[in-house]
Amino acid sequence: MGDTVNLRTARKQAERDKARADATANAAKHGQSKAARVLAAAQGDKARAMLDAHRLDEQE
């Protein structure tokens, strides 16, 4: 015959697995710290400013 399964334990384990999967998805979605987000934004702004500073404007 098959193994006996405690349905209450199986239900709780399934809930834990679902919570762990949700936590992993949220960590991937919101995984950056505030310092990392601010640093990335500052680097992007600086790169954009340097590019604009080297732009050649056509004058008519």
PDB file of N, CA and C in Angstrom:
ATOM      1  N   MET A   1       0.825  -1.184   0.000  1.00  0.00           N
ATOM      2  CA  MET A   1       0.000   0.000   0.000  1.00  0.00           C
ATOM      3  C   MET A   1       0.872   1.250   0.000  1.00  0.00           C
ATOM      4  N   GLY A   2       0.206   2.373  -0.031  1.00  0.00           N
ATOM      5  CA  GLY A   2       0.929   3.638  -0.056  1.00  0.00           C
ATOM      6  C   GLY A   2       1.270   4.129   1.340  1.00  0.00           C
ATOM      7  N   ASP A   3       1.999   5.189   1.393  1.00  0.00           N
ATOM      8  CA  ASP A   3       2.358   5.790   2.677  1.00  0.00           C
ATOM      9  C   ASP A   3       1.188   6.600   3.213  1.00  0.00           C
ATOM     10  N   THR A   4       1.092   6.640   4.518  1.00  0.00           N
ATOM     11  CA  THR A   4       0.055   7.472   5.120  1.00  0.00           C
ATOM     12  C   THR A   4       0.523   8.922   5.120  1.00  0.00           C
ATOM     13  N   VAL A   5      -0.417   9.813   4.832  1.00  0.00           N
ATOM     14  CA  VAL A   5      -0.088  11.228   4.743  1.00  0.00           C
ATOM     15  C   VAL A   5      -0.999  11.987   5.686  1.00  0.00           C
ATOM     16  N   ASN A   6      -0.404  12.784   6.536  1.00  0.00           N
ATOM     17  CA  ASN A   6      -1.170  13.646   7.422  1.00  0.00           C
ATOM     18  C   ASN A   6      -1.597  14.858   6.587  1.00  0.00           C
ATOM     19  N   LEU A   7      -2.885  14.975   6.330  1.00  0.00           N
ATOM     20  CA  LEU A   7      -3.388  16.038   5.452  1.00  0.00           C
ATOM     21  C   LEU A   7      -3.147  17.428   6.030  1.00  0.00           C
ATOM     22  N   ARG A   8      -3.218  17.554   7.350  1.00  0.00           N
ATOM     23  CA  ARG A   8      -2.978  18.852   7.974  1.00  0.00           C
ATOM     24  C   ARG A   8      -1.528  19.289   7.746  1.00  0.00           C
ATOM     25  N   THR A   9      -0.602  18.370   7.914  1.00  0.00           N
ATOM     26  CA  THR A   9       0.815  18.674   7.693  1.00  0.00           C
ATOM     27  C   THR A   9       1.085  18.989   6.224  1.00  0.00           C
ATOM     28  N   ALA A  10       0.467  18.238   5.323  1.00  0.00           N
ATOM     29  CA  ALA A  10       0.653  18.478   3.892  1.00  0.00           C
ATOM     30  C   ALA A  10       0.105  19.847   3.506  1.00  0.00           C
ATOM     31  N   ARG A  11      -1.038  20.231   4.086  1.00  0.00           N
ATOM     32  CA  ARG A  11      -1.632  21.540   3.791  1.00  0.00           C
ATOM     33  C   ARG A  11      -0.719  22.658   4.290  1.00  0.00           C
ATOM     34  N   LYS A  12      -0.208  22.508   5.507  1.00  0.00           N
ATOM     35  CA  LYS A  12       0.680  23.528   6.059  1.00  0.00           C
ATOM     36  C   LYS A  12       1.968  23.636   5.242  1.00  0.00           C
ATOM     37  N   GLN A  13       2.511  22.509   4.800  1.00  0.00           N
ATOM     38  CA  GLN A  13       3.729  22.535   3.999  1.00  0.00           C
ATOM     39  C   GLN A  13       3.468  23.216   2.656  1.00  0.00           C
ATOM     40  N   ALA A  14       2.298  22.972   2.053  1.00  0.00           N
ATOM     41  CA  ALA A  14       1.957  23.627   0.794  1.00  0.00           C
ATOM     42  C   ALA A  14       1.836  25.138   0.986  1.00  0.00           C
ATOM     43  N   GLU A  15       1.269  25.566   2.113  1.00  0.00           N
ATOM     44  CA  GLU A  15       1.162  27.000   2.395  1.00  0.00           C
ATOM     45  C   GLU A  15       2.546  27.620   2.586  1.00  0.00           C
ATOM     46  N   ARG A  16       3.449  26.897   3.268  1.00  0.00           N
ATOM     47  CA  ARG A  16       4.815  27.396   3.451  1.00  0.00           C
ATOM     48  C   ARG A  16       5.533  27.525   2.121  1.00  0.00           C
ATOM     49  N   ASP A  17       5.355  26.531   1.244  1.00  0.00           N
ATOM     50  CA  ASP A  17       5.996  26.573  -0.070  1.00  0.00           C
ATOM     51  C   ASP A  17       5.482  27.752  -0.890  1.00  0.00           C
ATOM     52  N   LYS A  18       4.167  28.012  -0.823  1.00  0.00           N
ATOM     53  CA  LYS A  18       3.589  29.134  -1.562  1.00  0.00           C
ATOM     54  C   LYS A  18       4.110  30.457  -1.008  1.00  0.00           C
ATOM     55  N   ALA A  19       4.196  30.582   0.313  1.00  0.00           N
ATOM     56  CA  ALA A  19       4.708  31.811   0.923  1.00  0.00           C
ATOM     57  C   ALA A  19       6.169  32.028   0.540  1.00  0.00           C
ATOM     58  N   ARG A  20       6.946  30.954   0.493  1.00  0.00           N
ATOM     59  CA  ARG A  20       8.354  31.067   0.116  1.00  0.00           C
ATOM     60  C   ARG A  20       8.484  31.510  -1.342  1.00  0.00           C
ATOM     61  N   ALA A  21       7.641  30.979  -2.217  1.00  0.00           N
ATOM     62  CA  ALA A  21       7.670  31.370  -3.629  1.00  0.00           C
ATOM     63  C   ALA A  21       7.274  32.841  -3.785  1.00  0.00           C
ATOM     64  N   ASP A  22       6.260  33.273  -3.031  1.00  0.00           N
ATOM     65  CA  ASP A  22       5.844  34.680  -3.080  1.00  0.00           C
ATOM     66  C   ASP A  22       6.964  35.592  -2.573  1.00  0.00           C
ATOM     67  N   ALA A  23       7.638  35.173  -1.516  1.00  0.00           N
ATOM     68  CA  ALA A  23       8.731  35.976  -0.963  1.00  0.00           C
ATOM     69  C   ALA A  23       9.883  36.080  -1.954  1.00  0.00           C
ATOM     70  N   THR A  24      10.175  35.009  -2.648  1.00  0.00           N
ATOM     71  CA  THR A  24      11.238  35.030  -3.646  1.00  0.00           C
ATOM     72  C   THR A  24      10.882  35.972  -4.791  1.00  0.00           C
ATOM     73  N   ALA A  25       9.631  35.930  -5.223  1.00  0.00           N
ATOM     74  CA  ALA A  25       9.190  36.825  -6.298  1.00  0.00           C
ATOM     75  C   ALA A  25       9.277  38.291  -5.855  1.00  0.00           C
ATOM     76  N   ASN A  26       8.874  38.580  -4.623  1.00  0.00           N
ATOM     77  CA  ASN A  26       8.938  39.951  -4.116  1.00  0.00           C
ATOM     78  C   ASN A  26      10.377  40.411  -3.958  1.00  0.00           C
ATOM     79  N   ALA A  27      11.255  39.503  -3.549  1.00  0.00           N
ATOM     80  CA  ALA A  27      12.661  39.869  -3.397  1.00  0.00           C
ATOM     81  C   ALA A  27      13.268  40.211  -4.750  1.00  0.00           C
ATOM     82  N   ALA A  28      12.892  39.484  -5.782  1.00  0.00           N
ATOM     83  CA  ALA A  28      13.396  39.787  -7.117  1.00  0.00           C
ATOM     84  C   ALA A  28      12.817  41.100  -7.630  1.00  0.00           C
ATOM     85  N   LYS A  29      11.581  41.361  -7.271  1.00  0.00           N
ATOM     86  CA  LYS A  29      10.902  42.562  -7.750  1.00  0.00           C
ATOM     87  C   LYS A  29      11.386  43.816  -7.023  1.00  0.00           C
ATOM     88  N   HIS A  30      11.593  43.704  -5.714  1.00  0.00           N
ATOM     89  CA  HIS A  30      11.951  44.856  -4.891  1.00  0.00           C
ATOM     90  C   HIS A  30      13.293  44.646  -4.203  1.00  0.00           C
ATOM     91  N   GLY A  31      14.192  43.944  -4.847  1.00  0.00           N
ATOM     92  CA  GLY A  31      15.401  43.493  -4.193  1.00  0.00           C
ATOM     93  C   GLY A  31      16.460  44.543  -3.944  1.00  0.00           C
ATOM     94  N   GLN A  32      16.421  45.677  -4.618  1.00  0.00           N
ATOM     95  CA  GLN A  32      17.477  46.666  -4.446  1.00  0.00           C
ATOM     96  C   GLN A  32      17.255  47.485  -3.185  1.00  0.00           C
ATOM     97  N   SER A  33      18.338  47.780  -2.509  1.00  0.00           N
ATOM     98  CA  SER A  33      18.240  48.648  -1.345  1.00  0.00           C
ATOM     99  C   SER A  33      18.075  50.091  -1.814  1.00  0.00           C
ATOM    100  N   LYS A  34      17.684  50.950  -0.913  1.00  0.00           N
ATOM    101  CA  LYS A  34      17.491  52.356  -1.267  1.00  0.00           C
ATOM    102  C   LYS A  34      18.807  52.983  -1.714  1.00  0.00           C
ATOM    103  N   ALA A  35      19.900  52.641  -1.044  1.00  0.00           N
ATOM    104  CA  ALA A  35      21.206  53.192  -1.402  1.00  0.00           C
ATOM    105  C   ALA A  35      21.589  52.791  -2.828  1.00  0.00           C
ATOM    106  N   ALA A  36      21.309  51.550  -3.206  1.00  0.00           N
ATOM    107  CA  ALA A  36      21.641  51.089  -4.558  1.00  0.00           C
ATOM    108  C   ALA A  36      20.785  51.805  -5.602  1.00  0.00           C
ATOM    109  N   ARG A  37      19.487  52.027  -5.287  1.00  0.00           N
ATOM    110  CA  ARG A  37      18.615  52.754  -6.218  1.00  0.00           C
ATOM    111  C   ARG A  37      19.079  54.190  -6.398  1.00  0.00           C
ATOM    112  N   VAL A  38      19.448  54.850  -5.307  1.00  0.00           N
ATOM    113  CA  VAL A  38      19.907  56.247  -5.372  1.00  0.00           C
ATOM    114  C   VAL A  38      21.211  56.333  -6.157  1.00  0.00           C
ATOM    115  N   LEU A  39      22.125  55.395  -5.918  1.00  0.00           N
ATOM    116  CA  LEU A  39      23.396  55.380  -6.632  1.00  0.00           C
ATOM    117  C   LEU A  39      23.177  55.181  -8.131  1.00  0.00           C
ATOM    118  N   ALA A  40      22.312  54.246  -8.514  1.00  0.00           N
ATOM    119  CA  ALA A  40      22.042  53.993  -9.930  1.00  0.00           C
ATOM    120  C   ALA A  40      21.407  55.223 -10.588  1.00  0.00           C
ATOM    121  N   ALA A  41      20.510  55.894  -9.887  1.00  0.00           N
ATOM    122  CA  ALA A  41      19.881  57.094 -10.436  1.00  0.00           C
ATOM    123  C   ALA A  41      20.909  58.210 -10.610  1.00  0.00           C
ATOM    124  N   ALA A  42      21.803  58.368  -9.638  1.00  0.00           N
ATOM    125  CA  ALA A  42      22.828  59.411  -9.723  1.00  0.00           C
ATOM    126  C   ALA A  42      23.793  59.134 -10.868  1.00  0.00           C
ATOM    127  N   GLN A  43      24.173  57.888 -11.043  1.00  0.00           N
ATOM    128  CA  GLN A  43      25.075  57.535 -12.141  1.00  0.00           C
ATOM    129  C   GLN A  43      24.400  57.767 -13.493  1.00  0.00           C
ATOM    130  N   GLY A  44      23.115  57.449 -13.591  1.00  0.00           N
ATOM    131  CA  GLY A  44      22.379  57.701 -14.826  1.00  0.00           C
ATOM    132  C   GLY A  44      22.276  59.180 -15.136  1.00  0.00           C
ATOM    133  N   ASP A  45      22.005  59.986 -14.110  1.00  0.00           N
ATOM    134  CA  ASP A  45      21.924  61.438 -14.299  1.00  0.00           C
ATOM    135  C   ASP A  45      23.263  62.015 -14.740  1.00  0.00           C
ATOM    136  N   LYS A  46      24.339  61.523 -14.132  1.00  0.00           N
ATOM    137  CA  LYS A  46      25.671  62.021 -14.482  1.00  0.00           C
ATOM    138  C   LYS A  46      26.024  61.650 -15.921  1.00  0.00           C
ATOM    139  N   ALA A  47      25.729  60.428 -16.318  1.00  0.00           N
ATOM    140  CA  ALA A  47      26.017  59.994 -17.687  1.00  0.00           C
ATOM    141  C   ALA A  47      25.202  60.812 -18.688  1.00  0.00           C
ATOM    142  N   ARG A  48      23.943  61.070 -18.367  1.00  0.00           N
ATOM    143  CA  ARG A  48      23.081  61.860 -19.247  1.00  0.00           C
ATOM    144  C   ARG A  48      23.602  63.288 -19.364  1.00  0.00           C
ATOM    145  N   ALA A  49      24.056  63.862 -18.252  1.00  0.00           N
ATOM    146  CA  ALA A  49      24.581  65.227 -18.259  1.00  0.00           C
ATOM    147  C   ALA A  49      25.875  65.312 -19.070  1.00  0.00           C
ATOM    148  N   MET A  50      26.740  64.318 -18.947  1.00  0.00           N
ATOM    149  CA  MET A  50      27.990  64.313 -19.713  1.00  0.00           C
ATOM    150  C   MET A  50      27.698  64.191 -21.209  1.00  0.00           C
ATOM    151  N   LEU A  51      26.728  63.372 -21.558  1.00  0.00           N
ATOM    152  CA  LEU A  51      26.358  63.213 -22.958  1.00  0.00           C
ATOM    153  C   LEU A  51      25.798  64.523 -23.515  1.00  0.00           C
ATOM    154  N   ASP A  52      24.948  65.180 -22.740  1.00  0.00           N
ATOM    155  CA  ASP A  52      24.382  66.454 -23.179  1.00  0.00           C
ATOM    156  C   ASP A  52      25.456  67.537 -23.287  1.00  0.00           C
ATOM    157  N   ALA A  53      26.466  67.491 -22.434  1.00  0.00           N
ATOM    158  CA  ALA A  53      27.527  68.490 -22.458  1.00  0.00           C
ATOM    159  C   ALA A  53      28.386  68.359 -23.716  1.00  0.00           C
ATOM    160  N   HIS A  54      28.472  67.182 -24.269  1.00  0.00           N
ATOM    161  CA  HIS A  54      29.301  66.961 -25.451  1.00  0.00           C
ATOM    162  C   HIS A  54      28.492  67.005 -26.756  1.00  0.00           C
ATOM    163  N   ARG A  55      27.242  67.358 -26.640  1.00  0.00           N
ATOM    164  CA  ARG A  55      26.380  67.410 -27.822  1.00  0.00           C
ATOM    165  C   ARG A  55      26.729  68.635 -28.665  1.00  0.00           C
ATOM    166  N   LEU A  56      26.774  68.445 -29.958  1.00  0.00           N
ATOM    167  CA  LEU A  56      27.034  69.546 -30.878  1.00  0.00           C
ATOM    168  C   LEU A  56      25.691  70.093 -31.358  1.00  0.00           C
ATOM    169  N   ASP A  57      25.468  71.355 -31.120  1.00  0.00           N
ATOM    170  CA  ASP A  57      24.228  71.985 -31.539  1.00  0.00           C
ATOM    171  C   ASP A  57      24.444  72.625 -32.902  1.00  0.00           C
ATOM    172  N   GLU A  58      23.509  72.395 -33.790  1.00  0.00           N
ATOM    173  CA  GLU A  58      23.575  73.038 -35.112  1.00  0.00           C
ATOM    174  C   GLU A  58      22.947  74.419 -34.988  1.00  0.00           C
ATOM    175  N   GLN A  59      23.686  75.430 -35.407  1.00  0.00           N
ATOM    176  CA  GLN A  59      23.156  76.773 -35.338  1.00  0.00           C
ATOM    177  C   GLN A  59      22.848  77.248 -36.755  1.00  0.00           C
ATOM    178  N   GLU A  60      21.720  77.872 -36.890  1.00  0.00           N
ATOM    179  CA  GLU A  60      21.291  78.333 -38.210  1.00  0.00           C
ATOM    180  C   GLU A  60      21.445  79.805 -38.369  1.00  0.00           C
TER     181      GLU A  60
END
